[in-house]
Amino acid sequence: MSQEAARKLPRYALLVLLVLFISAGLWVRDFWTIRDATTFGIAVDALNGTAPDWVLPNIGGQWVAEHGPLTGWVAALFIGLLRGVMDEMTAYRVTSLFWFAMTTAALWYGTWNLARRPEAQPIAYAFGGEARPRDYGRAIADSAVLLFIATFGIVTRQHEAIPDTALLALASVNFYGLARMLRKPYWGAFTAGLSAGLALLASTVFAGVWLLAAGLIVNTMLRGAPGNRDLRLVVMGFSALLPPLLWAGAAWMLAPEKAPGWFTYWAQLQAANFGLASPETLLWLAKNFVWYLCPIWPLALWGLYSWRHQLEKTHLFLPIVVTATGIVAALFSSSQSADTVFLDFIPAMAAFAAFALITVRRSQENVLDWFSLSIFSLAALFLWAYRLAWETGFAPKMAKSIQMLAPDAVPSFDFPFFAALVATLLWFTFVGWRLTHRPVAAWRGPWLAACGMTTATLLTVGLFHDGININRSYEPVALQLKATLVDAGLEPADCVSAPGLPAGIRAMFIHYADLPLAPDVTQGCRFRLIRTKTGALPVNAIGGPAERPHTDESFYVLSVR
């Protein structure tokens, strides 16, 4: 790489791009996914509850053990700190900024540590002009972060403070720890192990085990790390065990009566994540691999080919081992844990894809530029066409589709709309710049891809948040169910059983309508809430169904006695 190709991407430009990308998640009013509401419900219950509610996650007394408690702890911390200056939901969404900052910072510094190694430096030119180590390392690290932002599969998760988002952040920290181990062997090993242990607390045992496995394999096979290998392994294993042991100990101290039952239930759910992958799971992975990891997987494959005679070099070998461990993990994943495999190795693959960029010829490198320009420009025009149809009805089919998905939705001209307008103007400014110039900076392709993904995100949220709120929100359903219960004679001392109701929906019903939902094991409630497919009228139903538009689910209140 030449010094000109390693020219500096202005820090303010990178920072502004990251802020714009993640800030779109702060504009939404309602919960758009059940998984997002689940973490919120756990956090609020912990914040308003007692010590056992912190160590044994639950929503309204109903155990939630699909994931560990760490994501709820962090969300509760932000809600507690910020609810004096903003509402609880906005304070909760700030949590996603924390995870995003951790993800991008760890990925940048992990890649930076690898790119500054002597064996990673570009070949010296006969008459000079090759990139200086500092500039080269910065260009590779910038490209890794930009490629990460452009990855299709992480877009929605980055705007939700959910276990998957926390896992992605901790996978980046794990990658940083392994890279840092090449300079600070024991500190790096401790960081990598600790992140694996925290991943167990934030996500699942499956995720934590495979992150730890990647670290142990890197430690065992890597030749370039200083210090004693066995001691590094001990440090990594100890630090990985520390978080779950401290959590379990605190749970048994603070909730000795509930802890055995909760952890038994948790262990059963965690065990379901392991097993030989079924043909259906492997087919799902194969189908989703192409779009989920685009555009980093084509670059990674090209890097394997280009570097095929040098893959033993530390800066290439480390991310390859981490990614390969994730691929092996896919063979032992169940349908519940299949997408976790992607999250575990996305940071390492993004770093390897950044190294692959420098081997791409000029004509081939332009492919990423033109792919980004064409795909995201078409996406922007497509989104604006739907918005215009929604406003004017000039395209009846397009306007009708929006009205069908979000009845009575009215487009608004608020801050998100004008932010989307500005983002569109900036995007097409970048398009014009690229069409009229021949930049040589190595980060230009990743920059255009990341800008395109950011523009698409801002447009989707900015132009259609009113319609998405109506289509995705459970608030009208919760209020309708509350009205039905009040009409049926709900008293302050009454409870409502809701067997089998997903934790996220339970959290939304409590948040929006303060429904007195009882845990599944509760007996003696006068009312029961059930979730069924549209058209299936249950016996003893009170009133009509509560439904969201254009979905196949209905909620009924039943009289038990």
Foldseek 3Di string as FASTA:
>chain_A
DFQQQLDDDDPVVLVVLLCLLQCLLLPFDFDQDLQLLLLLQLLVCCLPHDLLSQLFGDHLPAGDQQAARPLSVLLNVQLVVCCVPPPSVSSSQVLLVVLSVLLLVLLLLLLLLLQLDPVNADDADPVGRHHDSNSRSNLLSSLLSLLLLLQPQCRVVSRGSGLLSNLLSLLSQLSSLLSCQLPVVLSSLLSNLLSLLVNCNSHNVLSSVLSLVLSLVCLVPADRGDDDSVVSNVNSPVNSVVVVVVSLVSSCVPPVPCSVVSVVVNVVSRVLFWAFEDPVLVVVCVVVVVRRGPPLVVLLVLLCVQCVVPCSDPSNVSLVSQLVSLVVSCRTGYNVCNVSSCSNRSSSSSSSSSSSLVVDDLVRNCVLVVVLLVPLVVLLVVLVVLLVCCVPVPPVVSVVVLCQLFPPQDWDDDDLQVVLVVLNVVLVVLVVVVVVDRRSHSSSSSNSSSSSSSSSSSSCSSRCSSSSCLNRHCLQLLVVVLVLCVVVPDDPVAEEEEPPDDSSVSSRSCVRPVHRYHHNVDPDGQKYKYKDFPPDDDPQFGDDWRDGRPDGITMTIHGPD
